């Protein structure tokens, strides 16, 4: 069993934080808690930027953060803003955020399914690689 400070444990904790945060965003936005979605968006972005093994997830979390930041900024600087972000957000922005979160979650799970081989290729069956 690895110690609490081992790299394997930290990697699993980072993976868990990222995936839970990413999947929480569409639930919060659809459930009309868009302002609370800032927490999982920031967590997913921070974790993906800080951990090297989540390099493939970075572009997706940046896209998610950008999709979320656009209506948030429009709500914050708007002259007559609604009492909540969910009520003020255009449905297209909500759909964009949900699609970006679903894409990031899918990218996370698909990225974990392809184990990397030492030579840099991503093949699940090393015995089927082309002969050199």
N, C-alpha and C. Protein backbone atom coordinates (compact mmCIF):
# COMPACT_ATOMS: atom_id res chain seq x y z
N UNK A 1 0.85 -1.17 0.00
CA UNK A 1 0.00 0.00 0.00
C UNK A 1 0.90 1.24 0.00
N UNK A 2 0.67 2.18 -0.92
CA UNK A 2 1.52 3.36 -0.98
C UNK A 2 1.27 4.29 0.19
N UNK A 3 2.32 4.99 0.57
CA UNK A 3 2.19 5.95 1.66
C UNK A 3 1.37 7.15 1.18
N UNK A 4 0.79 7.93 2.11
CA UNK A 4 -0.06 9.05 1.72
C UNK A 4 0.64 10.10 0.86
N UNK A 5 1.95 10.20 0.97
CA UNK A 5 2.68 11.21 0.22
C UNK A 5 3.30 10.65 -1.07
N UNK A 6 3.00 9.41 -1.41
CA UNK A 6 3.61 8.83 -2.60
C UNK A 6 3.05 9.47 -3.87
N UNK A 7 3.85 9.48 -4.95
CA UNK A 7 3.39 10.07 -6.20
C UNK A 7 2.14 9.40 -6.75
N UNK A 8 2.02 8.08 -6.54
CA UNK A 8 0.85 7.36 -7.04
C UNK A 8 -0.43 7.86 -6.37
N UNK A 9 -0.37 8.08 -5.07
CA UNK A 9 -1.54 8.57 -4.33
C UNK A 9 -1.88 9.99 -4.75
N UNK A 10 -0.88 10.84 -4.92
CA UNK A 10 -1.14 12.21 -5.35
C UNK A 10 -1.72 12.25 -6.75
N UNK A 11 -1.26 11.34 -7.59
CA UNK A 11 -1.77 11.27 -8.96
C UNK A 11 -3.25 10.86 -8.96
N UNK A 12 -3.58 9.85 -8.15
CA UNK A 12 -4.97 9.42 -8.05
C UNK A 12 -5.86 10.52 -7.49
N UNK A 13 -5.36 11.25 -6.49
CA UNK A 13 -6.13 12.34 -5.91
C UNK A 13 -6.36 13.44 -6.93
N UNK A 14 -5.35 13.75 -7.72
CA UNK A 14 -5.50 14.78 -8.76
C UNK A 14 -6.49 14.32 -9.83
N UNK A 15 -6.40 13.06 -10.23
CA UNK A 15 -7.34 12.52 -11.21
C UNK A 15 -8.77 12.59 -10.69
N UNK A 16 -8.95 12.17 -9.45
CA UNK A 16 -10.29 12.17 -8.85
C UNK A 16 -10.84 13.59 -8.74
N UNK A 17 -10.01 14.53 -8.31
CA UNK A 17 -10.45 15.92 -8.19
C UNK A 17 -10.85 16.47 -9.55
N UNK A 18 -10.04 16.19 -10.56
CA UNK A 18 -10.33 16.71 -11.90
C UNK A 18 -11.62 16.13 -12.45
N UNK A 19 -11.78 14.83 -12.37
CA UNK A 19 -12.94 14.21 -12.99
C UNK A 19 -14.23 14.56 -12.25
N UNK A 20 -14.21 14.61 -10.94
CA UNK A 20 -15.41 14.99 -10.19
C UNK A 20 -15.77 16.44 -10.48
N UNK A 21 -14.77 17.30 -10.54
CA UNK A 21 -15.02 18.71 -10.83
C UNK A 21 -15.60 18.90 -12.22
N UNK A 22 -15.03 18.21 -13.19
CA UNK A 22 -15.51 18.35 -14.56
C UNK A 22 -16.95 17.89 -14.69
N UNK A 23 -17.28 16.75 -14.10
CA UNK A 23 -18.65 16.23 -14.23
C UNK A 23 -19.64 17.00 -13.37
N UNK A 24 -19.17 17.74 -12.37
CA UNK A 24 -20.08 18.53 -11.54
C UNK A 24 -20.57 19.79 -12.26
N UNK A 25 -19.77 20.30 -13.19
CA UNK A 25 -20.13 21.55 -13.88
C UNK A 25 -21.46 21.44 -14.63
N UNK A 26 -21.66 20.46 -15.50
CA UNK A 26 -22.96 20.42 -16.20
C UNK A 26 -24.13 20.18 -15.25
N UNK A 27 -23.91 19.43 -14.18
CA UNK A 27 -24.98 19.20 -13.21
C UNK A 27 -25.39 20.51 -12.56
N UNK A 28 -24.41 21.31 -12.17
CA UNK A 28 -24.71 22.59 -11.52
C UNK A 28 -25.35 23.59 -12.49
N UNK A 29 -24.87 23.64 -13.72
CA UNK A 29 -25.42 24.58 -14.69
C UNK A 29 -26.85 24.19 -15.07
N UNK A 30 -27.08 22.93 -15.32
CA UNK A 30 -28.43 22.48 -15.67
C UNK A 30 -29.37 22.62 -14.47
N UNK A 31 -28.86 22.41 -13.27
CA UNK A 31 -29.66 22.53 -12.07
C UNK A 31 -29.86 23.96 -11.61
N UNK A 32 -29.48 24.94 -12.43
CA UNK A 32 -29.66 26.37 -12.15
C UNK A 32 -28.81 26.85 -10.97
N UNK A 33 -27.64 26.26 -10.79
CA UNK A 33 -26.68 26.71 -9.79
C UNK A 33 -25.38 27.12 -10.50
N UNK A 34 -25.52 27.95 -11.53
CA UNK A 34 -24.38 28.30 -12.37
C UNK A 34 -23.30 29.06 -11.61
N UNK A 35 -23.69 29.88 -10.64
CA UNK A 35 -22.67 30.63 -9.90
C UNK A 35 -21.81 29.69 -9.06
N UNK A 36 -22.38 28.63 -8.52
CA UNK A 36 -21.60 27.67 -7.74
C UNK A 36 -20.66 26.86 -8.62
N UNK A 37 -20.93 26.81 -9.91
CA UNK A 37 -20.09 26.04 -10.82
C UNK A 37 -18.69 26.64 -10.94
N UNK A 38 -18.49 27.84 -10.44
CA UNK A 38 -17.15 28.43 -10.50
C UNK A 38 -16.14 27.60 -9.71
N UNK A 39 -16.60 26.97 -8.64
CA UNK A 39 -15.68 26.16 -7.81
C UNK A 39 -15.14 24.96 -8.59
N UNK A 40 -15.98 24.11 -9.17
CA UNK A 40 -15.41 22.99 -9.92
C UNK A 40 -14.65 23.40 -11.18
N UNK A 41 -15.06 24.51 -11.81
CA UNK A 41 -14.33 24.98 -12.99
C UNK A 41 -12.90 25.36 -12.60
N UNK A 42 -12.77 26.12 -11.53
CA UNK A 42 -11.44 26.55 -11.07
C UNK A 42 -10.62 25.35 -10.60
N UNK A 43 -11.25 24.42 -9.89
CA UNK A 43 -10.54 23.22 -9.45
C UNK A 43 -10.03 22.39 -10.62
N UNK A 44 -10.87 22.16 -11.60
CA UNK A 44 -10.46 21.36 -12.76
C UNK A 44 -9.33 22.04 -13.52
N UNK A 45 -9.44 23.36 -13.70
CA UNK A 45 -8.39 24.09 -14.41
C UNK A 45 -7.09 24.06 -13.63
N UNK A 46 -7.15 24.30 -12.34
CA UNK A 46 -5.94 24.32 -11.52
C UNK A 46 -5.25 22.96 -11.49
N UNK A 47 -6.03 21.91 -11.29
CA UNK A 47 -5.44 20.57 -11.22
C UNK A 47 -4.82 20.19 -12.56
N UNK A 48 -5.49 20.49 -13.65
CA UNK A 48 -4.94 20.10 -14.95
C UNK A 48 -3.69 20.89 -15.31
N UNK A 49 -3.60 22.11 -14.83
CA UNK A 49 -2.41 22.91 -15.12
C UNK A 49 -1.24 22.55 -14.21
N UNK A 50 -1.51 22.07 -13.02
CA UNK A 50 -0.45 21.78 -12.06
C UNK A 50 0.16 20.38 -12.20
N UNK A 51 -0.57 19.45 -12.78
CA UNK A 51 -0.09 18.06 -12.84
C UNK A 51 0.27 17.68 -14.28
N UNK A 52 1.49 17.24 -14.44
CA UNK A 52 2.01 16.94 -15.78
C UNK A 52 1.28 15.77 -16.44
N UNK A 53 0.83 14.81 -15.67
CA UNK A 53 0.16 13.65 -16.28
C UNK A 53 -1.22 14.00 -16.83
N UNK A 54 -1.73 15.17 -16.52
CA UNK A 54 -3.01 15.63 -17.07
C UNK A 54 -2.82 16.62 -18.21
N UNK A 55 -1.68 16.55 -18.86
CA UNK A 55 -1.35 17.49 -19.94
C UNK A 55 -2.38 17.45 -21.06
N UNK A 56 -2.89 16.28 -21.40
CA UNK A 56 -3.88 16.14 -22.46
C UNK A 56 -5.23 16.75 -22.11
N UNK A 57 -5.46 16.98 -20.85
CA UNK A 57 -6.73 17.54 -20.39
C UNK A 57 -6.71 19.07 -20.35
N UNK A 58 -5.53 19.65 -20.44
CA UNK A 58 -5.39 21.10 -20.27
C UNK A 58 -6.21 21.90 -21.27
N UNK A 59 -6.14 21.55 -22.54
CA UNK A 59 -6.87 22.34 -23.55
C UNK A 59 -8.37 22.26 -23.30
N UNK A 60 -8.85 21.12 -22.79
CA UNK A 60 -10.28 20.96 -22.55
C UNK A 60 -10.73 21.75 -21.33
N UNK A 61 -9.90 21.78 -20.29
CA UNK A 61 -10.28 22.56 -19.12
C UNK A 61 -10.15 24.06 -19.38
N UNK A 62 -9.21 24.45 -20.22
CA UNK A 62 -9.13 25.87 -20.61
C UNK A 62 -10.36 26.25 -21.43
N UNK A 63 -10.80 25.37 -22.31
CA UNK A 63 -12.02 25.64 -23.08
C UNK A 63 -13.23 25.73 -22.16
N UNK A 64 -13.30 24.85 -21.18
CA UNK A 64 -14.39 24.89 -20.21
C UNK A 64 -14.36 26.18 -19.40
N UNK A 65 -13.20 26.57 -18.94
CA UNK A 65 -13.07 27.81 -18.17
C UNK A 65 -13.43 29.02 -19.02
N UNK A 66 -13.04 29.02 -20.28
CA UNK A 66 -13.39 30.13 -21.17
C UNK A 66 -14.88 30.19 -21.43
N UNK A 67 -15.48 29.02 -21.64
CA UNK A 67 -16.93 28.97 -21.87
C UNK A 67 -17.69 29.46 -20.64
N UNK A 68 -17.17 29.15 -19.46
CA UNK A 68 -17.83 29.59 -18.23
C UNK A 68 -17.56 31.07 -17.95
N UNK A 69 -16.36 31.53 -18.25
CA UNK A 69 -15.99 32.92 -17.94
C UNK A 69 -16.76 33.93 -18.78
N UNK A 70 -17.10 33.57 -19.99
CA UNK A 70 -17.80 34.52 -20.87
C UNK A 70 -19.13 34.99 -20.29
N UNK A 71 -20.07 34.11 -19.94
CA UNK A 71 -21.32 34.61 -19.35
C UNK A 71 -21.13 35.21 -17.97
N UNK A 72 -20.12 34.72 -17.23
CA UNK A 72 -19.86 35.29 -15.91
C UNK A 72 -19.42 36.74 -16.02
N UNK A 73 -18.54 37.02 -16.95
CA UNK A 73 -18.08 38.40 -17.15
C UNK A 73 -19.22 39.27 -17.66
N UNK A 74 -19.99 38.75 -18.62
CA UNK A 74 -21.13 39.51 -19.13
C UNK A 74 -22.14 39.81 -18.02
N UNK A 75 -22.34 38.87 -17.13
CA UNK A 75 -23.25 39.08 -16.00
C UNK A 75 -22.69 40.12 -15.03
N UNK A 76 -21.39 40.05 -14.77
CA UNK A 76 -20.77 40.94 -13.79
C UNK A 76 -20.72 42.39 -14.27
N UNK A 77 -20.50 42.61 -15.55
CA UNK A 77 -20.38 43.99 -16.05
C UNK A 77 -21.67 44.52 -16.65
N UNK A 78 -22.70 43.70 -16.71
CA UNK A 78 -23.96 44.12 -17.30
C UNK A 78 -24.63 45.23 -16.49
N UNK A 79 -25.30 46.14 -17.17
CA UNK A 79 -25.91 47.27 -16.48
C UNK A 79 -27.11 46.85 -15.61
N UNK A 80 -27.91 45.96 -16.08
CA UNK A 80 -29.07 45.53 -15.30
C UNK A 80 -29.01 44.01 -15.14
N UNK A 81 -28.22 43.58 -14.19
CA UNK A 81 -28.00 42.16 -14.04
C UNK A 81 -29.05 41.53 -13.13
N UNK A 82 -29.31 40.29 -13.41
CA UNK A 82 -30.27 39.51 -12.63
C UNK A 82 -29.64 39.14 -11.30
N UNK A 83 -30.45 38.74 -10.33
CA UNK A 83 -29.88 38.37 -9.03
C UNK A 83 -29.02 37.10 -9.08
N UNK A 84 -29.15 36.29 -10.12
CA UNK A 84 -28.32 35.09 -10.21
C UNK A 84 -27.80 34.94 -11.63
N UNK A 85 -26.68 34.28 -11.74
CA UNK A 85 -26.08 34.03 -13.04
C UNK A 85 -26.97 33.12 -13.88
N UNK A 86 -27.61 32.16 -13.26
CA UNK A 86 -28.46 31.22 -13.99
C UNK A 86 -29.63 31.93 -14.67
N UNK A 87 -30.20 32.91 -14.02
CA UNK A 87 -31.34 33.63 -14.60
C UNK A 87 -30.90 34.59 -15.70
N UNK A 88 -29.68 35.08 -15.62
CA UNK A 88 -29.18 36.05 -16.59
C UNK A 88 -28.51 35.39 -17.79
N UNK A 89 -28.08 34.14 -17.63
CA UNK A 89 -27.32 33.47 -18.67
C UNK A 89 -28.22 33.07 -19.85
N UNK A 90 -27.76 33.36 -21.04
CA UNK A 90 -28.47 32.96 -22.24
C UNK A 90 -28.38 31.43 -22.36
N UNK A 91 -29.43 30.78 -22.83
CA UNK A 91 -29.41 29.31 -22.95
C UNK A 91 -28.28 28.78 -23.84
N UNK A 92 -27.86 29.57 -24.81
CA UNK A 92 -26.75 29.14 -25.67
C UNK A 92 -25.47 29.03 -24.85
N UNK A 93 -25.24 29.98 -23.94
CA UNK A 93 -24.05 29.91 -23.08
C UNK A 93 -24.13 28.70 -22.16
N UNK A 94 -25.31 28.43 -21.63
CA UNK A 94 -25.47 27.25 -20.76
C UNK A 94 -25.17 25.98 -21.55
N UNK A 95 -25.69 25.90 -22.76
CA UNK A 95 -25.44 24.72 -23.61
C UNK A 95 -23.95 24.60 -23.94
N UNK A 96 -23.31 25.72 -24.20
CA UNK A 96 -21.87 25.72 -24.51
C UNK A 96 -21.05 25.22 -23.31
N UNK A 97 -21.41 25.65 -22.13
CA UNK A 97 -20.71 25.20 -20.93
C UNK A 97 -20.92 23.70 -20.72
N UNK A 98 -22.13 23.24 -20.89
CA UNK A 98 -22.42 21.81 -20.72
C UNK A 98 -21.66 20.98 -21.75
N UNK A 99 -21.65 21.42 -22.99
CA UNK A 99 -20.93 20.69 -24.04
C UNK A 99 -19.42 20.68 -23.76
N UNK A 100 -18.88 21.81 -23.31
CA UNK A 100 -17.45 21.88 -22.99
C UNK A 100 -17.12 20.95 -21.83
N UNK A 101 -17.98 20.88 -20.83
CA UNK A 101 -17.74 19.99 -19.69
C UNK A 101 -17.85 18.53 -20.11
N UNK A 102 -18.82 18.22 -20.94
CA UNK A 102 -18.95 16.84 -21.43
C UNK A 102 -17.75 16.44 -22.27
N UNK A 103 -17.26 17.37 -23.08
CA UNK A 103 -16.06 17.09 -23.89
C UNK A 103 -14.84 16.88 -23.01
N UNK A 104 -14.70 17.69 -21.97
CA UNK A 104 -13.56 17.54 -21.06
C UNK A 104 -13.65 16.23 -20.29
N UNK A 105 -14.84 15.87 -19.83
CA UNK A 105 -15.00 14.59 -19.13
C UNK A 105 -14.72 13.41 -20.03
N UNK A 106 -15.20 13.48 -21.25
CA UNK A 106 -14.94 12.42 -22.22
C UNK A 106 -13.44 12.32 -22.53
N UNK A 107 -12.80 13.47 -22.70
CA UNK A 107 -11.35 13.48 -22.97
C UNK A 107 -10.58 12.87 -21.81
N UNK A 108 -11.01 13.15 -20.60
CA UNK A 108 -10.34 12.57 -19.43
C UNK A 108 -10.44 11.05 -19.45
N UNK A 109 -11.65 10.54 -19.66
CA UNK A 109 -11.83 9.10 -19.63
C UNK A 109 -11.17 8.40 -20.81
N UNK A 110 -11.22 8.99 -21.98
CA UNK A 110 -10.56 8.39 -23.14
C UNK A 110 -9.05 8.46 -23.01
N UNK A 111 -8.54 9.51 -22.41
CA UNK A 111 -7.10 9.63 -22.20
C UNK A 111 -6.57 8.59 -21.24
N UNK A 112 -7.37 8.17 -20.30
CA UNK A 112 -6.95 7.15 -19.33
C UNK A 112 -7.02 5.75 -19.92
N UNK A 113 -7.79 5.55 -20.96
CA UNK A 113 -7.94 4.22 -21.55
C UNK A 113 -6.77 3.84 -22.43
N UNK A 114 -6.00 4.80 -22.88
CA UNK A 114 -4.89 4.52 -23.78
C UNK A 114 -3.58 4.55 -23.01
N UNK A 115 -3.11 3.41 -22.57
CA UNK A 115 -1.84 3.40 -21.85
C UNK A 115 -0.68 3.74 -22.78
N UNK A 116 0.23 4.48 -22.29
CA UNK A 116 1.41 4.87 -23.07
C UNK A 116 2.48 3.80 -22.95
N UNK A 117 3.06 3.45 -24.08
CA UNK A 117 4.16 2.50 -24.08
C UNK A 117 5.47 3.26 -23.99
N UNK A 118 6.55 2.60 -23.60
CA UNK A 118 7.83 3.31 -23.44
C UNK A 118 8.32 4.01 -24.71
N UNK A 119 7.96 3.51 -25.89
CA UNK A 119 8.47 4.15 -27.10
C UNK A 119 7.60 5.33 -27.56
N UNK A 120 6.57 5.68 -26.77
CA UNK A 120 5.78 6.86 -27.08
C UNK A 120 4.50 6.58 -27.84
N UNK A 121 4.32 5.36 -28.34
CA UNK A 121 3.08 5.06 -29.06
C UNK A 121 1.99 4.71 -28.06
N UNK A 122 0.76 4.82 -28.49
CA UNK A 122 -0.34 4.50 -27.58
C UNK A 122 -1.12 3.32 -28.15
N UNK A 123 -0.65 2.15 -27.84
CA UNK A 123 -1.30 0.94 -28.32
C UNK A 123 -1.70 0.11 -27.12
N UNK A 124 -2.91 -0.42 -27.14
CA UNK A 124 -3.36 -1.24 -26.04
C UNK A 124 -2.77 -2.65 -26.13
N UNK A 125 -2.43 -3.07 -27.33
CA UNK A 125 -1.85 -4.39 -27.51
C UNK A 125 -0.48 -4.24 -28.15
N UNK A 126 0.57 -4.27 -27.34
CA UNK A 126 1.90 -4.05 -27.88
C UNK A 126 2.34 -5.14 -28.85
N UNK A 127 1.72 -6.32 -28.81
CA UNK A 127 2.12 -7.38 -29.71
C UNK A 127 1.62 -7.12 -31.14
N UNK A 128 0.72 -6.15 -31.34
CA UNK A 128 0.21 -5.85 -32.65
C UNK A 128 0.89 -4.64 -33.31
N UNK A 129 1.91 -4.11 -32.66
CA UNK A 129 2.62 -2.97 -33.25
C UNK A 129 3.35 -3.39 -34.52
N UNK A 130 3.52 -2.45 -35.39
CA UNK A 130 4.22 -2.74 -36.66
C UNK A 130 5.67 -3.14 -36.37
N UNK A 131 6.16 -4.09 -37.14
CA UNK A 131 7.55 -4.53 -36.97
C UNK A 131 8.47 -3.45 -37.50
N UNK A 132 9.59 -3.30 -36.82
CA UNK A 132 10.55 -2.27 -37.23
C UNK A 132 11.71 -2.87 -37.94
